[in-house]
Protein backbone atom coordinates (compact mmCIF):
# COMPACT_ATOMS: atom_id res chain seq x y z
CA MET A 1 -73.04 -196.72 5.84
CA ASP A 2 -72.04 -192.91 5.45
CA LEU A 3 -71.09 -190.18 3.58
CA ARG A 4 -67.19 -191.68 3.09
CA ASP A 5 -68.32 -195.25 2.07
CA ILE A 6 -69.87 -193.62 -0.95
CA GLY A 7 -66.66 -191.51 -1.92
CA PHE A 8 -67.72 -188.34 -0.69
CA GLN A 9 -65.58 -186.12 1.59
CA VAL A 10 -67.18 -185.00 4.88
CA GLY A 11 -66.86 -181.43 5.90
CA CYS A 12 -68.02 -179.41 9.25
CA GLY A 13 -67.76 -176.76 11.04
CA MET A 14 -68.70 -173.88 14.03
CA MET A 15 -69.58 -170.45 14.40
CA THR A 16 -67.79 -168.42 17.35
CA GLY A 17 -69.53 -165.70 19.56
CA SER A 18 -72.77 -167.01 18.74
CA PRO A 19 -75.74 -165.97 20.97
CA GLY A 20 -75.71 -167.56 24.07
CA GLN A 21 -72.30 -169.73 23.33
CA THR A 22 -70.59 -171.10 26.19
CA ALA A 23 -66.72 -172.61 26.48
CA GLU A 24 -68.22 -175.57 26.91
CA HIS A 25 -69.89 -175.62 23.63
CA LEU A 26 -67.02 -174.64 21.89
CA VAL A 27 -65.19 -177.89 23.70
CA ALA A 28 -68.37 -179.93 22.72
CA ASP A 29 -67.43 -178.64 19.34
CA LEU A 30 -63.87 -179.38 19.01
CA ARG A 31 -64.19 -183.29 20.42
CA PHE A 32 -67.17 -183.83 17.78
CA ILE A 33 -64.79 -182.32 14.96
CA GLN A 34 -62.06 -184.50 16.01
CA SER A 35 -63.86 -187.57 16.49
CA LEU A 36 -65.38 -187.04 12.83
CA ARG A 37 -62.47 -186.15 11.74
CA PRO A 38 -63.39 -184.38 8.64
CA GLU A 39 -61.70 -183.46 5.24
CA MET A 40 -62.37 -179.49 5.92
CA VAL A 41 -63.36 -177.62 8.89
CA GLY A 42 -64.92 -174.12 8.39
CA ILE A 43 -64.66 -172.07 11.50
CA GLY A 44 -65.81 -168.46 11.65
CA PRO A 45 -66.98 -165.50 13.82
CA PHE A 46 -71.05 -164.58 14.58
CA ILE A 47 -72.05 -161.60 12.76
CA PRO A 48 -75.38 -159.97 13.83
CA HIS A 49 -77.67 -159.12 10.77
CA ARG A 50 -79.71 -155.89 11.32
CA ASP A 51 -83.26 -157.63 9.83
CA THR A 52 -82.90 -160.72 12.31
CA PRO A 53 -83.72 -161.32 16.16
CA PHE A 54 -79.63 -161.01 16.82
CA ALA A 55 -79.77 -157.31 15.69
CA GLY A 56 -78.26 -156.27 18.88
CA TYR A 57 -75.70 -158.70 19.91
CA GLU A 58 -72.22 -158.49 19.48
CA PRO A 59 -70.50 -160.14 16.97
CA GLY A 60 -67.95 -162.92 17.49
CA SER A 61 -64.21 -162.53 18.34
CA VAL A 62 -61.68 -162.64 15.87
CA LYS A 63 -59.41 -163.76 18.59
CA THR A 64 -61.41 -166.66 19.65
CA THR A 65 -61.92 -167.71 16.01
CA LEU A 66 -58.20 -167.73 15.01
CA ARG A 67 -57.33 -169.42 18.29
CA LEU A 68 -59.81 -172.45 17.54
CA LEU A 69 -58.21 -172.45 13.80
CA SER A 70 -55.28 -172.46 15.94
CA VAL A 71 -56.33 -175.74 17.62
CA ILE A 72 -58.04 -177.49 15.01
CA ARG A 73 -54.55 -177.50 12.76
CA LEU A 74 -53.13 -179.53 15.62
CA LEU A 75 -56.05 -181.69 16.26
CA LEU A 76 -56.25 -182.70 12.40
CA PRO A 77 -53.05 -180.98 10.44
CA GLU A 78 -54.20 -182.65 7.45
CA VAL A 79 -57.67 -181.17 7.08
CA LEU A 80 -58.40 -178.71 4.95
CA LEU A 81 -58.73 -175.17 6.78
CA PRO A 82 -60.43 -172.43 5.13
CA ALA A 83 -60.10 -168.47 6.44
CA THR A 84 -63.92 -167.31 6.08
CA THR A 85 -65.11 -164.37 4.62
CA ALA A 86 -66.39 -163.82 8.05
CA LEU A 87 -62.97 -163.24 9.39
CA GLY A 88 -62.56 -160.51 6.52
CA THR A 89 -65.69 -158.86 7.46
CA LEU A 90 -64.69 -157.80 10.98
CA ASP A 91 -60.95 -157.32 10.21
CA PRO A 92 -59.45 -156.17 7.01
CA LEU A 93 -56.68 -158.73 7.71
CA GLY A 94 -58.65 -161.27 8.74
CA ARG A 95 -58.43 -163.85 6.09
CA GLU A 96 -54.82 -163.89 6.51
CA LYS A 97 -54.92 -164.19 9.96
CA GLY A 98 -57.08 -167.39 9.39
CA LEU A 99 -54.52 -168.67 6.97
CA GLU A 100 -51.56 -168.14 8.88
CA ALA A 101 -53.24 -169.27 12.20
CA GLY A 102 -51.54 -171.95 14.53
CA ARG A 103 -48.61 -172.03 11.81
CA THR A 104 -46.53 -169.43 13.35
């Protein structure tokens, strides 16, 4: 039995540009998401916080995040795909770009 069996919608997500993340990690995440077939997927860029051990790291890439949103839109065309606030934090038009990723 899983959450779907008892009536829940399933969601998952990923953060792009996390310290130590590789292209292989992103591919593995995409494969997992494709096999899970969730109803909602959230993808947003890593944003370092000054009060954590990750303070000195660069934030994740808006471009990479938009590319992954586009891929998810192709893999799971019916999925709910929000544009994260993290995109808007790194790019003034990031949320709008996230909503349009993969549509044009």
